[in-house]
Amino acid sequence: MRQFSPELAAHLQSEATTLCTCWVVKRRDKVVLGFTDHDHDVTLNTLVCLAASGFKAS
């Protein structure tokens, strides 16, 4: 069985959850791009993952 942090486990056991998927693409030329399937942009550390990118989890 997969182990989750206590914070994530508590979140998943709550009445409603707010989860999304983020993709970080690191190109060879050092350009880093972030994308998300969330309805708003998501910031991971200092990288903004764009919601308007058209990516959908599948």
PDB file of N, CA and C in Angstrom:
ATOM      1  N   MET A   1       0.833  -1.171   0.000  1.00  0.00           N
ATOM      2  CA  MET A   1       0.000   0.000   0.000  1.00  0.00           C
ATOM      3  C   MET A   1       0.883   1.240   0.000  1.00  0.00           C
ATOM      4  N   ARG A   2       0.455   2.267  -0.678  1.00  0.00           N
ATOM      5  CA  ARG A   2       1.215   3.509  -0.780  1.00  0.00           C
ATOM      6  C   ARG A   2       1.107   4.329   0.499  1.00  0.00           C
ATOM      7  N   GLN A   3       2.225   4.924   0.913  1.00  0.00           N
ATOM      8  CA  GLN A   3       2.272   5.745   2.114  1.00  0.00           C
ATOM      9  C   GLN A   3       2.136   7.222   1.747  1.00  0.00           C
ATOM     10  N   PHE A   4       1.323   7.947   2.503  1.00  0.00           N
ATOM     11  CA  PHE A   4       1.133   9.375   2.313  1.00  0.00           C
ATOM     12  C   PHE A   4       1.566  10.105   3.568  1.00  0.00           C
ATOM     13  N   SER A   5       1.901  11.364   3.406  1.00  0.00           N
ATOM     14  CA  SER A   5       2.238  12.178   4.580  1.00  0.00           C
ATOM     15  C   SER A   5       0.986  12.307   5.445  1.00  0.00           C
ATOM     16  N   PRO A   6       1.147  12.530   6.736  1.00  0.00           N
ATOM     17  CA  PRO A   6      -0.030  12.702   7.608  1.00  0.00           C
ATOM     18  C   PRO A   6      -0.939  13.843   7.137  1.00  0.00           C
ATOM     19  N   GLU A   7      -0.337  14.916   6.600  1.00  0.00           N
ATOM     20  CA  GLU A   7      -1.143  16.047   6.125  1.00  0.00           C
ATOM     21  C   GLU A   7      -2.006  15.652   4.927  1.00  0.00           C
ATOM     22  N   LEU A   8      -1.413  14.934   3.961  1.00  0.00           N
ATOM     23  CA  LEU A   8      -2.176  14.516   2.793  1.00  0.00           C
ATOM     24  C   LEU A   8      -3.229  13.480   3.182  1.00  0.00           C
ATOM     25  N   ALA A   9      -2.894  12.558   4.054  1.00  0.00           N
ATOM     26  CA  ALA A   9      -3.865  11.554   4.501  1.00  0.00           C
ATOM     27  C   ALA A   9      -5.063  12.222   5.166  1.00  0.00           C
ATOM     28  N   ALA A  10      -4.831  13.230   6.003  1.00  0.00           N
ATOM     29  CA  ALA A  10      -5.933  13.950   6.654  1.00  0.00           C
ATOM     30  C   ALA A  10      -6.765  14.688   5.613  1.00  0.00           C
ATOM     31  N   HIS A  11      -6.107  15.293   4.631  1.00  0.00           N
ATOM     32  CA  HIS A  11      -6.825  16.006   3.570  1.00  0.00           C
ATOM     33  C   HIS A  11      -7.721  15.045   2.786  1.00  0.00           C
ATOM     34  N   LEU A  12      -7.189  13.877   2.444  1.00  0.00           N
ATOM     35  CA  LEU A  12      -7.957  12.896   1.674  1.00  0.00           C
ATOM     36  C   LEU A  12      -9.134  12.337   2.457  1.00  0.00           C
ATOM     37  N   GLN A  13      -9.051  12.336   3.784  1.00  0.00           N
ATOM     38  CA  GLN A  13     -10.137  11.826   4.618  1.00  0.00           C
ATOM     39  C   GLN A  13     -11.184  12.883   4.922  1.00  0.00           C
ATOM     40  N   SER A  14     -10.954  14.123   4.508  1.00  0.00           N
ATOM     41  CA  SER A  14     -11.917  15.188   4.776  1.00  0.00           C
ATOM     42  C   SER A  14     -13.135  15.030   3.868  1.00  0.00           C
ATOM     43  N   GLU A  15     -14.133  15.842   4.126  1.00  0.00           N
ATOM     44  CA  GLU A  15     -15.395  15.742   3.394  1.00  0.00           C
ATOM     45  C   GLU A  15     -15.245  16.092   1.917  1.00  0.00           C
ATOM     46  N   ALA A  16     -14.374  17.045   1.606  1.00  0.00           N
ATOM     47  CA  ALA A  16     -14.138  17.448   0.216  1.00  0.00           C
ATOM     48  C   ALA A  16     -12.631  17.637   0.014  1.00  0.00           C
ATOM     49  N   THR A  17     -12.156  17.323  -1.177  1.00  0.00           N
ATOM     50  CA  THR A  17     -10.728  17.485  -1.461  1.00  0.00           C
ATOM     51  C   THR A  17     -10.531  18.450  -2.624  1.00  0.00           C
ATOM     52  N   THR A  18      -9.366  19.016  -2.691  1.00  0.00           N
ATOM     53  CA  THR A  18      -8.988  19.912  -3.783  1.00  0.00           C
ATOM     54  C   THR A  18      -7.602  19.504  -4.259  1.00  0.00           C
ATOM     55  N   LEU A  19      -7.561  18.545  -5.169  1.00  0.00           N
ATOM     56  CA  LEU A  19      -6.291  18.035  -5.688  1.00  0.00           C
ATOM     57  C   LEU A  19      -6.177  18.344  -7.173  1.00  0.00           C
ATOM     58  N   CYS A  20      -4.952  18.486  -7.646  1.00  0.00           N
ATOM     59  CA  CYS A  20      -4.708  18.698  -9.069  1.00  0.00           C
ATOM     60  C   CYS A  20      -3.389  18.031  -9.431  1.00  0.00           C
ATOM     61  N   THR A  21      -3.125  17.958 -10.722  1.00  0.00           N
ATOM     62  CA  THR A  21      -1.874  17.417 -11.218  1.00  0.00           C
ATOM     63  C   THR A  21      -1.059  18.552 -11.815  1.00  0.00           C
ATOM     64  N   CYS A  22       0.243  18.565 -11.533  1.00  0.00           N
ATOM     65  CA  CYS A  22       1.149  19.558 -12.121  1.00  0.00           C
ATOM     66  C   CYS A  22       2.241  18.830 -12.884  1.00  0.00           C
ATOM     67  N   TRP A  23       2.607  19.378 -14.028  1.00  0.00           N
ATOM     68  CA  TRP A  23       3.702  18.861 -14.820  1.00  0.00           C
ATOM     69  C   TRP A  23       4.790  19.917 -14.863  1.00  0.00           C
ATOM     70  N   VAL A  24       6.031  19.504 -14.666  1.00  0.00           N
ATOM     71  CA  VAL A  24       7.169  20.400 -14.792  1.00  0.00           C
ATOM     72  C   VAL A  24       8.063  19.833 -15.896  1.00  0.00           C
ATOM     73  N   VAL A  25       8.295  20.640 -16.916  1.00  0.00           N
ATOM     74  CA  VAL A  25       9.116  20.241 -18.048  1.00  0.00           C
ATOM     75  C   VAL A  25      10.430  21.011 -17.961  1.00  0.00           C
ATOM     76  N   LYS A  26      11.538  20.284 -17.891  1.00  0.00           N
ATOM     77  CA  LYS A  26      12.871  20.894 -17.853  1.00  0.00           C
ATOM     78  C   LYS A  26      13.565  20.563 -19.161  1.00  0.00           C
ATOM     79  N   ARG A  27      13.711  21.592 -19.992  1.00  0.00           N
ATOM     80  CA  ARG A  27      14.326  21.384 -21.295  1.00  0.00           C
ATOM     81  C   ARG A  27      15.848  21.378 -21.193  1.00  0.00           C
ATOM     82  N   ARG A  28      16.508  20.838 -22.204  1.00  0.00           N
ATOM     83  CA  ARG A  28      17.968  20.788 -22.228  1.00  0.00           C
ATOM     84  C   ARG A  28      18.605  22.167 -22.256  1.00  0.00           C
ATOM     85  N   ASP A  29      17.882  23.159 -22.783  1.00  0.00           N
ATOM     86  CA  ASP A  29      18.421  24.524 -22.837  1.00  0.00           C
ATOM     87  C   ASP A  29      18.141  25.295 -21.542  1.00  0.00           C
ATOM     88  N   LYS A  30      17.781  24.567 -20.484  1.00  0.00           N
ATOM     89  CA  LYS A  30      17.575  25.109 -19.128  1.00  0.00           C
ATOM     90  C   LYS A  30      16.245  25.844 -18.939  1.00  0.00           C
ATOM     91  N   VAL A  31      15.386  25.875 -19.953  1.00  0.00           N
ATOM     92  CA  VAL A  31      14.063  26.475 -19.800  1.00  0.00           C
ATOM     93  C   VAL A  31      13.191  25.502 -19.002  1.00  0.00           C
ATOM     94  N   VAL A  32      12.490  26.034 -17.986  1.00  0.00           N
ATOM     95  CA  VAL A  32      11.614  25.211 -17.150  1.00  0.00           C
ATOM     96  C   VAL A  32      10.192  25.722 -17.322  1.00  0.00           C
ATOM     97  N   LEU A  33       9.269  24.816 -17.663  1.00  0.00           N
ATOM     98  CA  LEU A  33       7.872  25.160 -17.897  1.00  0.00           C
ATOM     99  C   LEU A  33       6.994  24.372 -16.937  1.00  0.00           C
ATOM    100  N   GLY A  34       5.940  25.002 -16.433  1.00  0.00           N
ATOM    101  CA  GLY A  34       5.015  24.334 -15.521  1.00  0.00           C
ATOM    102  C   GLY A  34       3.589  24.411 -16.034  1.00  0.00           C
ATOM    103  N   PHE A  35       2.853  23.312 -15.897  1.00  0.00           N
ATOM    104  CA  PHE A  35       1.467  23.227 -16.360  1.00  0.00           C
ATOM    105  C   PHE A  35       0.633  22.505 -15.308  1.00  0.00           C
ATOM    106  N   THR A  36      -0.654  22.807 -15.249  1.00  0.00           N
ATOM    107  CA  THR A  36      -1.548  22.132 -14.307  1.00  0.00           C
ATOM    108  C   THR A  36      -2.918  21.924 -14.928  1.00  0.00           C
ATOM    109  N   ASP A  37      -3.653  20.931 -14.420  1.00  0.00           N
ATOM    110  CA  ASP A  37      -5.034  20.717 -14.848  1.00  0.00           C
ATOM    111  C   ASP A  37      -6.014  21.410 -13.897  1.00  0.00           C
ATOM    112  N   HIS A  38      -5.507  22.208 -12.963  1.00  0.00           N
ATOM    113  CA  HIS A  38      -6.354  22.945 -12.028  1.00  0.00           C
ATOM    114  C   HIS A  38      -7.002  24.128 -12.754  1.00  0.00           C
ATOM    115  N   ASP A  39      -8.059  24.702 -12.179  1.00  0.00           N
ATOM    116  CA  ASP A  39      -8.726  25.820 -12.832  1.00  0.00           C
ATOM    117  C   ASP A  39      -8.059  27.172 -12.554  1.00  0.00           C
ATOM    118  N   HIS A  40      -7.027  27.184 -11.717  1.00  0.00           N
ATOM    119  CA  HIS A  40      -6.228  28.376 -11.448  1.00  0.00           C
ATOM    120  C   HIS A  40      -4.750  28.001 -11.532  1.00  0.00           C
ATOM    121  N   ASP A  41      -3.900  28.989 -11.786  1.00  0.00           N
ATOM    122  CA  ASP A  41      -2.464  28.737 -11.767  1.00  0.00           C
ATOM    123  C   ASP A  41      -2.042  28.254 -10.383  1.00  0.00           C
ATOM    124  N   VAL A  42      -1.036  27.378 -10.336  1.00  0.00           N
ATOM    125  CA  VAL A  42      -0.518  26.820  -9.087  1.00  0.00           C
ATOM    126  C   VAL A  42       0.976  27.141  -9.017  1.00  0.00           C
ATOM    127  N   THR A  43       1.428  27.651  -7.860  1.00  0.00           N
ATOM    128  CA  THR A  43       2.836  27.959  -7.684  1.00  0.00           C
ATOM    129  C   THR A  43       3.500  26.862  -6.863  1.00  0.00           C
ATOM    130  N   LEU A  44       4.544  26.243  -7.438  1.00  0.00           N
ATOM    131  CA  LEU A  44       5.347  25.230  -6.752  1.00  0.00           C
ATOM    132  C   LEU A  44       6.707  25.846  -6.491  1.00  0.00           C
ATOM    133  N   ASN A  45       7.018  26.115  -5.238  1.00  0.00           N
ATOM    134  CA  ASN A  45       8.223  26.873  -4.883  1.00  0.00           C
ATOM    135  C   ASN A  45       8.145  28.218  -5.601  1.00  0.00           C
ATOM    136  N   THR A  46       8.946  28.450  -6.617  1.00  0.00           N
ATOM    137  CA  THR A  46       8.869  29.709  -7.351  1.00  0.00           C
ATOM    138  C   THR A  46       8.355  29.534  -8.773  1.00  0.00           C
ATOM    139  N   LEU A  47       8.060  28.309  -9.186  1.00  0.00           N
ATOM    140  CA  LEU A  47       7.590  28.029 -10.541  1.00  0.00           C
ATOM    141  C   LEU A  47       6.070  28.119 -10.604  1.00  0.00           C
ATOM    142  N   VAL A  48       5.552  28.920 -11.526  1.00  0.00           N
ATOM    143  CA  VAL A  48       4.106  29.020 -11.720  1.00  0.00           C
ATOM    144  C   VAL A  48       3.696  27.993 -12.765  1.00  0.00           C
ATOM    145  N   CYS A  49       2.803  27.089 -12.380  1.00  0.00           N
ATOM    146  CA  CYS A  49       2.249  26.095 -13.305  1.00  0.00           C
ATOM    147  C   CYS A  49       0.968  26.693 -13.879  1.00  0.00           C
ATOM    148  N   LEU A  50       0.943  26.854 -15.183  1.00  0.00           N
ATOM    149  CA  LEU A  50      -0.154  27.557 -15.843  1.00  0.00           C
ATOM    150  C   LEU A  50      -1.377  26.670 -16.024  1.00  0.00           C
ATOM    151  N   ALA A  51      -2.535  27.219 -15.664  1.00  0.00           N
ATOM    152  CA  ALA A  51      -3.791  26.489 -15.796  1.00  0.00           C
ATOM    153  C   ALA A  51      -4.366  26.614 -17.205  1.00  0.00           C
ATOM    154  N   ALA A  52      -4.050  27.661 -17.912  1.00  0.00           N
ATOM    155  CA  ALA A  52      -4.614  27.911 -19.231  1.00  0.00           C
ATOM    156  C   ALA A  52      -3.828  27.244 -20.343  1.00  0.00           C
ATOM    157  N   SER A  53      -3.110  26.195 -20.027  1.00  0.00           N
ATOM    158  CA  SER A  53      -2.223  25.560 -21.007  1.00  0.00           C
ATOM    159  C   SER A  53      -2.938  24.576 -21.909  1.00  0.00           C
ATOM    160  N   GLY A  54      -4.125  24.117 -21.534  1.00  0.00           N
ATOM    161  CA  GLY A  54      -4.837  23.131 -22.328  1.00  0.00           C
ATOM    162  C   GLY A  54      -4.527  21.700 -21.946  1.00  0.00           C
ATOM    163  N   PHE A  55      -3.646  21.465 -20.969  1.00  0.00           N
ATOM    164  CA  PHE A  55      -3.342  20.104 -20.516  1.00  0.00           C
ATOM    165  C   PHE A  55      -4.494  19.540 -19.711  1.00  0.00           C
ATOM    166  N   LYS A  56      -4.810  18.294 -19.927  1.00  0.00           N
ATOM    167  CA  LYS A  56      -5.810  17.570 -19.153  1.00  0.00           C
ATOM    168  C   LYS A  56      -5.211  16.231 -18.747  1.00  0.00           C
ATOM    169  N   ALA A  57      -5.397  15.846 -17.501  1.00  0.00           N
ATOM    170  CA  ALA A  57      -4.903  14.549 -17.046  1.00  0.00           C
ATOM    171  C   ALA A  57      -5.692  13.440 -17.735  1.00  0.00           C
ATOM    172  N   SER A  58      -4.994  12.441 -18.205  1.00  0.00           N
ATOM    173  CA  SER A  58      -5.685  11.303 -18.829  1.00  0.00           C
ATOM    174  C   SER A  58      -4.844  10.059 -18.684  1.00  0.00           C
TER     175      SER A  58
END
